[in-house]
N, C-alpha and C. Protein backbone atom coordinates (compact mmCIF):
# COMPACT_ATOMS: atom_id res chain seq x y z
N MET A 1 -2.83 13.04 4.67
CA MET A 1 -2.65 12.16 3.53
C MET A 1 -3.88 11.28 3.34
N PHE A 2 -4.41 10.69 4.41
CA PHE A 2 -5.56 9.81 4.30
C PHE A 2 -6.82 10.59 4.69
N PRO A 3 -7.97 10.23 4.12
CA PRO A 3 -9.22 10.90 4.47
C PRO A 3 -9.50 10.79 5.97
N ARG A 4 -10.15 11.83 6.51
CA ARG A 4 -10.42 11.86 7.95
C ARG A 4 -11.45 10.80 8.35
N SER A 5 -12.42 10.53 7.49
CA SER A 5 -13.42 9.53 7.85
C SER A 5 -12.97 8.16 7.36
N TYR A 6 -13.12 7.19 8.21
CA TYR A 6 -12.75 5.83 7.81
C TYR A 6 -13.60 4.84 8.58
N SER A 7 -13.65 3.62 8.05
CA SER A 7 -14.49 2.58 8.62
C SER A 7 -14.00 2.17 10.00
N LEU A 8 -14.75 1.30 10.66
CA LEU A 8 -14.39 0.83 11.99
C LEU A 8 -12.96 0.34 12.04
N LEU A 9 -12.29 0.68 13.15
CA LEU A 9 -10.90 0.24 13.31
C LEU A 9 -10.85 -1.27 13.48
N LYS A 10 -9.82 -1.87 12.91
CA LYS A 10 -9.64 -3.32 12.99
C LYS A 10 -8.22 -3.58 13.43
N GLU A 11 -7.98 -4.66 14.13
CA GLU A 11 -6.61 -5.01 14.51
C GLU A 11 -5.82 -5.45 13.30
N PHE A 12 -6.43 -6.26 12.42
CA PHE A 12 -5.73 -6.75 11.24
C PHE A 12 -6.62 -6.55 10.03
N VAL A 13 -6.00 -6.31 8.89
CA VAL A 13 -6.74 -6.07 7.66
C VAL A 13 -7.26 -7.39 7.11
N GLN A 14 -8.49 -7.36 6.65
CA GLN A 14 -9.07 -8.52 5.99
C GLN A 14 -8.72 -8.46 4.51
N VAL A 15 -8.86 -9.56 3.83
CA VAL A 15 -8.58 -9.60 2.40
C VAL A 15 -9.50 -8.59 1.69
N THR A 16 -8.94 -7.87 0.73
CA THR A 16 -9.70 -6.88 -0.01
C THR A 16 -10.79 -7.58 -0.81
N THR A 17 -12.03 -7.12 -0.63
CA THR A 17 -13.14 -7.74 -1.34
C THR A 17 -13.32 -7.10 -2.70
N ARG A 18 -14.02 -7.80 -3.56
CA ARG A 18 -14.32 -7.27 -4.89
C ARG A 18 -15.08 -5.95 -4.78
N ASP A 19 -15.98 -5.89 -3.79
CA ASP A 19 -16.77 -4.68 -3.58
C ASP A 19 -15.86 -3.50 -3.23
N GLN A 20 -14.86 -3.73 -2.39
CA GLN A 20 -13.92 -2.66 -2.03
C GLN A 20 -13.13 -2.21 -3.25
N VAL A 21 -12.70 -3.16 -4.05
CA VAL A 21 -11.95 -2.84 -5.26
C VAL A 21 -12.80 -1.97 -6.18
N GLU A 22 -14.03 -2.39 -6.40
CA GLU A 22 -14.90 -1.64 -7.31
C GLU A 22 -15.24 -0.26 -6.76
N LYS A 23 -15.33 -0.11 -5.43
CA LYS A 23 -15.55 1.21 -4.83
C LYS A 23 -14.36 2.12 -5.11
N ARG A 24 -13.16 1.58 -5.02
CA ARG A 24 -11.96 2.38 -5.29
C ARG A 24 -11.89 2.76 -6.77
N VAL A 25 -12.25 1.82 -7.64
CA VAL A 25 -12.27 2.11 -9.07
C VAL A 25 -13.33 3.18 -9.36
N ALA A 26 -14.50 3.05 -8.76
CA ALA A 26 -15.57 4.03 -8.96
C ALA A 26 -15.15 5.42 -8.47
N ALA A 27 -14.45 5.48 -7.35
CA ALA A 27 -13.97 6.76 -6.82
C ALA A 27 -12.98 7.39 -7.81
N PHE A 28 -12.10 6.56 -8.38
CA PHE A 28 -11.14 7.05 -9.37
C PHE A 28 -11.87 7.57 -10.61
N LEU A 29 -12.85 6.83 -11.09
CA LEU A 29 -13.60 7.26 -12.27
C LEU A 29 -14.32 8.58 -12.00
N ASP A 30 -14.82 8.74 -10.78
CA ASP A 30 -15.48 9.99 -10.39
C ASP A 30 -14.48 11.16 -10.41
N ILE A 31 -13.28 10.92 -9.89
CA ILE A 31 -12.23 11.95 -9.91
C ILE A 31 -11.90 12.32 -11.34
N CYS A 32 -11.79 11.31 -12.20
CA CYS A 32 -11.48 11.56 -13.61
C CYS A 32 -12.55 12.45 -14.25
N ARG A 33 -13.82 12.14 -14.00
CA ARG A 33 -14.92 12.94 -14.56
C ARG A 33 -14.85 14.38 -14.06
N ARG A 34 -14.65 14.56 -12.75
CA ARG A 34 -14.62 15.90 -12.15
C ARG A 34 -13.45 16.73 -12.65
N GLU A 35 -12.30 16.07 -12.89
CA GLU A 35 -11.09 16.82 -13.22
C GLU A 35 -10.71 16.74 -14.69
N GLY A 36 -11.57 16.14 -15.51
CA GLY A 36 -11.30 16.09 -16.94
C GLY A 36 -10.13 15.20 -17.32
N VAL A 37 -9.89 14.16 -16.55
CA VAL A 37 -8.81 13.21 -16.83
C VAL A 37 -9.42 12.01 -17.55
N LYS A 38 -8.75 11.54 -18.60
CA LYS A 38 -9.25 10.37 -19.32
C LYS A 38 -9.15 9.13 -18.44
N ALA A 39 -10.25 8.42 -18.32
CA ALA A 39 -10.29 7.17 -17.55
C ALA A 39 -10.13 6.02 -18.54
N THR A 40 -8.89 5.76 -18.91
CA THR A 40 -8.64 4.73 -19.92
C THR A 40 -8.76 3.32 -19.32
N HIS A 41 -8.92 2.37 -20.21
CA HIS A 41 -8.98 0.97 -19.80
C HIS A 41 -7.70 0.57 -19.06
N GLN A 42 -6.55 1.01 -19.58
CA GLN A 42 -5.28 0.67 -18.94
C GLN A 42 -5.19 1.23 -17.53
N ARG A 43 -5.55 2.49 -17.35
CA ARG A 43 -5.51 3.11 -16.02
C ARG A 43 -6.42 2.37 -15.05
N THR A 44 -7.60 2.04 -15.53
CA THR A 44 -8.57 1.34 -14.68
C THR A 44 -8.05 -0.04 -14.28
N GLU A 45 -7.44 -0.75 -15.22
CA GLU A 45 -6.92 -2.09 -14.92
C GLU A 45 -5.72 -2.03 -13.97
N ILE A 46 -4.88 -1.01 -14.12
CA ILE A 46 -3.75 -0.85 -13.21
C ILE A 46 -4.26 -0.62 -11.80
N LEU A 47 -5.24 0.27 -11.65
CA LEU A 47 -5.82 0.51 -10.32
C LEU A 47 -6.51 -0.74 -9.79
N ARG A 48 -7.26 -1.42 -10.65
CA ARG A 48 -7.96 -2.63 -10.22
C ARG A 48 -6.97 -3.68 -9.70
N GLU A 49 -5.84 -3.82 -10.37
CA GLU A 49 -4.81 -4.77 -9.94
C GLU A 49 -4.23 -4.36 -8.59
N LEU A 50 -3.92 -3.09 -8.45
CA LEU A 50 -3.35 -2.60 -7.20
C LEU A 50 -4.35 -2.67 -6.05
N ALA A 51 -5.59 -2.30 -6.32
CA ALA A 51 -6.62 -2.30 -5.29
C ALA A 51 -7.03 -3.71 -4.88
N GLY A 52 -6.76 -4.69 -5.73
CA GLY A 52 -7.16 -6.06 -5.46
C GLY A 52 -6.17 -6.86 -4.63
N THR A 53 -5.10 -6.22 -4.18
CA THR A 53 -4.09 -6.93 -3.40
C THR A 53 -3.72 -6.12 -2.16
N GLU A 54 -3.29 -6.83 -1.15
CA GLU A 54 -2.81 -6.17 0.06
C GLU A 54 -1.29 -6.30 0.17
N GLU A 55 -0.64 -6.67 -0.93
CA GLU A 55 0.80 -6.91 -0.95
C GLU A 55 1.63 -5.65 -1.08
N HIS A 56 1.04 -4.52 -1.44
CA HIS A 56 1.79 -3.28 -1.68
C HIS A 56 2.85 -3.52 -2.76
N PRO A 57 2.44 -3.91 -3.96
CA PRO A 57 3.40 -4.28 -5.00
C PRO A 57 4.17 -3.08 -5.54
N ASP A 58 5.32 -3.37 -6.13
CA ASP A 58 6.08 -2.34 -6.82
C ASP A 58 5.60 -2.28 -8.27
N ALA A 59 6.10 -1.30 -9.02
CA ALA A 59 5.64 -1.09 -10.40
C ALA A 59 5.89 -2.30 -11.29
N GLU A 60 7.03 -2.96 -11.10
CA GLU A 60 7.36 -4.11 -11.94
C GLU A 60 6.38 -5.27 -11.71
N THR A 61 5.99 -5.47 -10.47
CA THR A 61 5.02 -6.52 -10.15
C THR A 61 3.67 -6.19 -10.76
N ILE A 62 3.27 -4.94 -10.65
CA ILE A 62 2.00 -4.51 -11.24
C ILE A 62 2.05 -4.72 -12.76
N LEU A 63 3.17 -4.37 -13.38
CA LEU A 63 3.34 -4.57 -14.83
C LEU A 63 3.15 -6.04 -15.20
N GLU A 64 3.82 -6.94 -14.49
CA GLU A 64 3.69 -8.38 -14.78
C GLU A 64 2.24 -8.83 -14.70
N ARG A 65 1.54 -8.39 -13.67
CA ARG A 65 0.16 -8.83 -13.47
C ARG A 65 -0.79 -8.23 -14.50
N VAL A 66 -0.62 -6.95 -14.80
CA VAL A 66 -1.52 -6.30 -15.77
C VAL A 66 -1.27 -6.85 -17.18
N ARG A 67 -0.04 -7.24 -17.46
CA ARG A 67 0.27 -7.82 -18.79
C ARG A 67 -0.47 -9.13 -19.04
N GLN A 68 -0.95 -9.77 -18.00
CA GLN A 68 -1.74 -10.99 -18.20
C GLN A 68 -3.06 -10.68 -18.89
N SER A 69 -3.60 -9.48 -18.65
CA SER A 69 -4.85 -9.10 -19.32
C SER A 69 -4.64 -8.10 -20.45
N ILE A 70 -3.55 -7.32 -20.37
CA ILE A 70 -3.22 -6.35 -21.42
C ILE A 70 -1.76 -6.57 -21.81
N PRO A 71 -1.47 -7.55 -22.67
CA PRO A 71 -0.08 -7.91 -22.99
C PRO A 71 0.77 -6.78 -23.55
N ALA A 72 0.17 -5.82 -24.25
CA ALA A 72 0.94 -4.77 -24.91
C ALA A 72 1.19 -3.55 -24.02
N ILE A 73 0.78 -3.58 -22.78
CA ILE A 73 0.95 -2.41 -21.92
C ILE A 73 2.44 -2.15 -21.69
N SER A 74 2.81 -0.87 -21.68
CA SER A 74 4.23 -0.52 -21.56
C SER A 74 4.61 -0.18 -20.12
N VAL A 75 5.89 -0.25 -19.85
CA VAL A 75 6.43 0.14 -18.55
C VAL A 75 6.11 1.61 -18.29
N ASP A 76 6.26 2.43 -19.33
CA ASP A 76 5.99 3.85 -19.22
C ASP A 76 4.54 4.12 -18.79
N THR A 77 3.60 3.38 -19.38
CA THR A 77 2.19 3.54 -19.02
C THR A 77 1.97 3.21 -17.54
N ILE A 78 2.61 2.16 -17.07
CA ILE A 78 2.48 1.79 -15.65
C ILE A 78 2.96 2.93 -14.77
N TYR A 79 4.17 3.42 -15.02
CA TYR A 79 4.74 4.48 -14.18
C TYR A 79 3.94 5.78 -14.26
N ARG A 80 3.54 6.17 -15.47
CA ARG A 80 2.75 7.40 -15.60
C ARG A 80 1.41 7.27 -14.89
N THR A 81 0.80 6.09 -14.99
CA THR A 81 -0.49 5.88 -14.33
C THR A 81 -0.33 5.88 -12.81
N LEU A 82 0.70 5.23 -12.30
CA LEU A 82 0.92 5.23 -10.86
C LEU A 82 1.15 6.66 -10.35
N ARG A 83 1.90 7.44 -11.10
CA ARG A 83 2.13 8.84 -10.72
C ARG A 83 0.80 9.62 -10.72
N LEU A 84 -0.03 9.40 -11.75
CA LEU A 84 -1.33 10.06 -11.82
C LEU A 84 -2.21 9.65 -10.64
N LEU A 85 -2.28 8.35 -10.37
CA LEU A 85 -3.11 7.86 -9.26
C LEU A 85 -2.62 8.45 -7.93
N GLU A 86 -1.33 8.56 -7.77
CA GLU A 86 -0.78 9.16 -6.55
C GLU A 86 -1.13 10.65 -6.47
N ASP A 87 -0.96 11.36 -7.57
CA ASP A 87 -1.28 12.80 -7.60
C ASP A 87 -2.74 13.07 -7.28
N LYS A 88 -3.62 12.16 -7.67
CA LYS A 88 -5.05 12.34 -7.44
C LYS A 88 -5.49 11.81 -6.07
N GLY A 89 -4.55 11.25 -5.30
CA GLY A 89 -4.87 10.77 -3.96
C GLY A 89 -5.56 9.42 -3.93
N VAL A 90 -5.50 8.70 -5.03
CA VAL A 90 -6.17 7.40 -5.13
C VAL A 90 -5.29 6.30 -4.54
N ILE A 91 -3.97 6.47 -4.64
CA ILE A 91 -3.02 5.52 -4.05
C ILE A 91 -1.96 6.32 -3.29
N ALA A 92 -1.14 5.61 -2.54
CA ALA A 92 -0.05 6.26 -1.82
C ALA A 92 1.22 5.43 -2.00
N ARG A 93 2.35 6.10 -2.01
CA ARG A 93 3.64 5.39 -1.97
C ARG A 93 3.85 4.97 -0.53
N VAL A 94 4.40 3.81 -0.36
CA VAL A 94 4.70 3.35 1.00
C VAL A 94 6.17 3.00 1.10
N GLY A 95 6.70 3.16 2.29
CA GLY A 95 8.12 2.92 2.52
C GLY A 95 8.49 1.46 2.37
N SER A 96 9.71 1.27 2.01
CA SER A 96 10.25 -0.07 1.91
C SER A 96 11.73 0.01 2.18
N ILE A 97 12.25 -1.03 2.77
CA ILE A 97 13.68 -1.05 3.03
C ILE A 97 14.45 -1.52 1.81
N GLN A 98 13.74 -1.96 0.81
CA GLN A 98 14.38 -2.40 -0.41
C GLN A 98 14.38 -1.26 -1.43
N ASP A 99 14.99 -1.46 -2.57
CA ASP A 99 15.20 -0.38 -3.53
C ASP A 99 13.94 0.11 -4.24
N ARG A 100 12.96 -0.73 -4.41
CA ARG A 100 11.81 -0.37 -5.23
C ARG A 100 10.73 0.34 -4.43
N THR A 101 10.10 1.34 -5.08
CA THR A 101 8.97 2.03 -4.49
C THR A 101 7.77 1.11 -4.52
N ARG A 102 7.02 1.08 -3.44
CA ARG A 102 5.83 0.23 -3.35
C ARG A 102 4.61 1.14 -3.27
N PHE A 103 3.45 0.59 -3.64
CA PHE A 103 2.22 1.39 -3.71
C PHE A 103 1.10 0.73 -2.93
N ASP A 104 0.16 1.55 -2.47
CA ASP A 104 -0.95 1.09 -1.64
C ASP A 104 -2.24 1.76 -2.11
N ALA A 105 -3.25 0.96 -2.46
CA ALA A 105 -4.53 1.52 -2.89
C ALA A 105 -5.46 1.76 -1.71
N ASN A 106 -5.08 1.32 -0.53
CA ASN A 106 -5.90 1.53 0.67
C ASN A 106 -5.62 2.93 1.20
N THR A 107 -6.54 3.86 0.97
CA THR A 107 -6.34 5.23 1.44
C THR A 107 -7.09 5.51 2.74
N ASP A 108 -7.66 4.46 3.34
CA ASP A 108 -8.22 4.63 4.69
C ASP A 108 -7.06 4.92 5.63
N ARG A 109 -7.32 5.60 6.72
CA ARG A 109 -6.26 5.86 7.71
C ARG A 109 -5.79 4.52 8.26
N HIS A 110 -4.52 4.24 8.08
CA HIS A 110 -3.94 2.99 8.57
C HIS A 110 -2.43 3.14 8.66
N HIS A 111 -1.79 2.11 9.15
CA HIS A 111 -0.35 2.13 9.37
C HIS A 111 0.26 0.87 8.76
N HIS A 112 1.59 0.77 8.78
CA HIS A 112 2.25 -0.37 8.14
C HIS A 112 3.26 -1.06 9.05
N PHE A 113 3.33 -2.37 8.87
CA PHE A 113 4.41 -3.18 9.43
C PHE A 113 5.26 -3.61 8.25
N VAL A 114 6.57 -3.36 8.31
CA VAL A 114 7.49 -3.71 7.23
C VAL A 114 8.48 -4.73 7.73
N CYS A 115 8.56 -5.87 7.04
CA CYS A 115 9.54 -6.90 7.40
C CYS A 115 10.90 -6.49 6.86
N THR A 116 11.88 -6.42 7.76
CA THR A 116 13.22 -6.01 7.36
C THR A 116 13.99 -7.12 6.65
N ASP A 117 13.45 -8.35 6.65
CA ASP A 117 14.10 -9.45 5.92
C ASP A 117 13.60 -9.56 4.48
N CYS A 118 12.28 -9.73 4.33
CA CYS A 118 11.72 -9.99 2.99
C CYS A 118 11.07 -8.77 2.34
N GLY A 119 10.84 -7.70 3.10
CA GLY A 119 10.23 -6.50 2.55
C GLY A 119 8.72 -6.51 2.54
N MET A 120 8.08 -7.56 3.09
CA MET A 120 6.62 -7.62 3.16
C MET A 120 6.11 -6.38 3.89
N ILE A 121 5.02 -5.80 3.38
CA ILE A 121 4.38 -4.67 4.03
C ILE A 121 2.95 -5.07 4.35
N GLY A 122 2.57 -4.97 5.61
CA GLY A 122 1.21 -5.32 6.04
C GLY A 122 0.51 -4.11 6.63
N ASP A 123 -0.77 -3.96 6.33
CA ASP A 123 -1.57 -2.88 6.89
C ASP A 123 -2.09 -3.27 8.26
N PHE A 124 -2.21 -2.28 9.15
CA PHE A 124 -2.92 -2.47 10.40
C PHE A 124 -3.56 -1.16 10.82
N TYR A 125 -4.59 -1.27 11.62
CA TYR A 125 -5.33 -0.11 12.11
C TYR A 125 -5.11 0.01 13.61
N SER A 126 -4.92 1.23 14.09
CA SER A 126 -4.69 1.43 15.51
C SER A 126 -5.21 2.79 15.95
N ASP A 127 -6.20 2.77 16.82
CA ASP A 127 -6.73 4.01 17.37
C ASP A 127 -5.65 4.74 18.16
N ALA A 128 -4.82 3.97 18.87
CA ALA A 128 -3.75 4.57 19.67
C ALA A 128 -2.78 5.36 18.78
N PHE A 129 -2.39 4.80 17.65
CA PHE A 129 -1.48 5.53 16.77
C PHE A 129 -2.17 6.72 16.11
N ASP A 130 -3.46 6.57 15.80
CA ASP A 130 -4.20 7.67 15.19
C ASP A 130 -4.30 8.86 16.14
N GLN A 131 -4.29 8.59 17.43
CA GLN A 131 -4.40 9.64 18.46
C GLN A 131 -3.04 10.06 19.00
N PHE A 132 -1.97 9.70 18.33
CA PHE A 132 -0.61 9.96 18.78
C PHE A 132 -0.42 11.45 19.06
N PRO A 133 0.05 11.79 20.28
CA PRO A 133 0.26 13.21 20.59
C PRO A 133 1.47 13.76 19.81
N VAL A 134 1.29 14.90 19.22
CA VAL A 134 2.35 15.51 18.42
C VAL A 134 3.36 16.17 19.37
N PRO A 135 4.63 15.79 19.27
CA PRO A 135 5.66 16.41 20.10
C PRO A 135 5.78 17.91 19.83
N ARG A 136 6.10 18.67 20.85
CA ARG A 136 6.21 20.12 20.74
C ARG A 136 7.16 20.52 19.61
N GLU A 137 8.29 19.80 19.50
CA GLU A 137 9.28 20.13 18.46
C GLU A 137 8.68 20.04 17.06
N VAL A 138 7.81 19.07 16.87
CA VAL A 138 7.17 18.90 15.56
C VAL A 138 6.16 20.02 15.34
N SER A 139 5.40 20.36 16.36
CA SER A 139 4.42 21.45 16.25
C SER A 139 5.09 22.76 15.88
N GLU A 140 6.32 22.95 16.37
CA GLU A 140 7.06 24.18 16.05
C GLU A 140 7.48 24.22 14.58
N MET A 141 7.55 23.05 13.93
CA MET A 141 7.93 22.98 12.52
C MET A 141 6.76 23.34 11.60
N GLY A 142 5.54 23.08 12.09
CA GLY A 142 4.36 23.34 11.27
C GLY A 142 3.18 22.57 11.82
N SER A 143 2.05 22.62 11.11
CA SER A 143 0.85 21.92 11.58
C SER A 143 0.81 20.50 11.02
N VAL A 144 0.45 19.56 11.86
CA VAL A 144 0.38 18.16 11.47
C VAL A 144 -1.04 17.87 10.99
N GLU A 145 -1.15 17.29 9.82
CA GLU A 145 -2.46 16.98 9.25
C GLU A 145 -2.81 15.51 9.35
N GLY A 146 -1.84 14.67 9.69
CA GLY A 146 -2.10 13.25 9.82
C GLY A 146 -0.88 12.55 10.39
N VAL A 147 -1.12 11.38 10.94
CA VAL A 147 -0.04 10.58 11.50
C VAL A 147 0.01 9.26 10.76
N TYR A 148 1.18 8.90 10.31
CA TYR A 148 1.39 7.64 9.60
C TYR A 148 2.53 6.94 10.32
N VAL A 149 2.28 5.73 10.82
CA VAL A 149 3.29 5.00 11.57
C VAL A 149 3.72 3.78 10.76
N GLU A 150 5.03 3.58 10.71
CA GLU A 150 5.59 2.41 10.04
C GLU A 150 6.45 1.67 11.05
N LEU A 151 6.02 0.47 11.39
CA LEU A 151 6.78 -0.37 12.30
C LEU A 151 7.62 -1.34 11.48
N ARG A 152 8.85 -1.55 11.90
CA ARG A 152 9.75 -2.46 11.18
C ARG A 152 10.16 -3.59 12.09
N GLY A 153 10.24 -4.78 11.53
CA GLY A 153 10.63 -5.95 12.29
C GLY A 153 10.69 -7.16 11.39
N ILE A 154 10.62 -8.34 11.98
CA ILE A 154 10.68 -9.59 11.23
C ILE A 154 9.27 -10.19 11.18
N CYS A 155 8.78 -10.48 9.99
CA CYS A 155 7.43 -11.04 9.84
C CYS A 155 7.39 -12.48 10.33
N ARG A 156 6.20 -12.97 10.52
CA ARG A 156 5.99 -14.33 11.03
C ARG A 156 6.64 -15.38 10.13
N LYS A 157 6.49 -15.24 8.81
CA LYS A 157 7.06 -16.23 7.89
C LYS A 157 8.59 -16.25 7.98
N CYS A 158 9.21 -15.09 8.00
CA CYS A 158 10.68 -15.04 8.09
C CYS A 158 11.16 -15.56 9.44
N LYS A 159 10.41 -15.27 10.48
CA LYS A 159 10.78 -15.76 11.81
C LYS A 159 10.72 -17.29 11.84
N GLN A 160 9.65 -17.85 11.24
CA GLN A 160 9.52 -19.31 11.19
C GLN A 160 10.64 -19.93 10.36
N LYS A 161 10.98 -19.28 9.23
CA LYS A 161 12.07 -19.77 8.39
C LYS A 161 13.39 -19.77 9.17
N THR A 162 13.64 -18.71 9.91
CA THR A 162 14.86 -18.61 10.71
C THR A 162 14.89 -19.70 11.78
N MET A 163 13.75 -19.93 12.42
CA MET A 163 13.69 -20.96 13.46
C MET A 163 13.96 -22.34 12.87
N LYS A 164 13.42 -22.63 11.68
CA LYS A 164 13.65 -23.92 11.03
C LYS A 164 15.11 -24.07 10.66
N THR A 165 15.71 -23.00 10.11
CA THR A 165 17.13 -23.02 9.72
C THR A 165 18.02 -23.23 10.94
N GLU A 166 17.71 -22.52 12.03
CA GLU A 166 18.50 -22.67 13.26
C GLU A 166 18.35 -24.08 13.81
N GLY A 167 17.15 -24.64 13.71
CA GLY A 167 16.91 -26.01 14.18
C GLY A 167 17.72 -27.02 13.40
N ARG A 168 17.83 -26.83 12.09
CA ARG A 168 18.62 -27.73 11.24
C ARG A 168 20.11 -27.62 11.56
N SER A 169 20.58 -26.40 11.75
CA SER A 169 22.02 -26.24 12.00
C SER A 169 22.41 -26.80 13.37
N ARG A 170 21.50 -26.76 14.30
CA ARG A 170 21.77 -27.36 15.62
C ARG A 170 21.82 -28.88 15.53
N SER A 171 20.93 -29.45 14.72
CA SER A 171 20.88 -30.91 14.62
C SER A 171 22.07 -31.47 13.82
N VAL A 172 22.67 -30.64 12.96
CA VAL A 172 23.82 -31.07 12.17
C VAL A 172 25.08 -31.14 13.03
N ARG A 173 25.17 -30.28 14.03
CA ARG A 173 26.36 -30.22 14.89
C ARG A 173 26.50 -31.45 15.65
């Protein structure tokens, strides 16, 4: 799913820089030229919005944000563009425990932490997970081309919120 070559492994993802966003947009424009796909202003802005965040937003969130610069953009355009970007390998769908599909413009090899309380999805890099040995049972099903790990738990913010709430309920007793 993700390209084999990727930058140095990091424990935690840094904020996406403008340069990274523009590299992703340029890669998309190159794909469009090679494959005869129209690189419209709307498609470019949708990708720019998605590539500029590490939040893994859903389509509705992307729509709200893109409407700030393109007020007339339709829900249909958002969904069709996200499907196109996914088909071209520019973005990926990522798992969520909530109902909405979330998207990720980071196509470097990486993994996700998903908060089971708030649905936050965070990227992380791990050489250990990238080198994960494929179980024999899986090898018998077919050839593995990549490993994607999704860890689920409670994020720091939700844990702090829970601790504060528990502290208040103890003091009330």
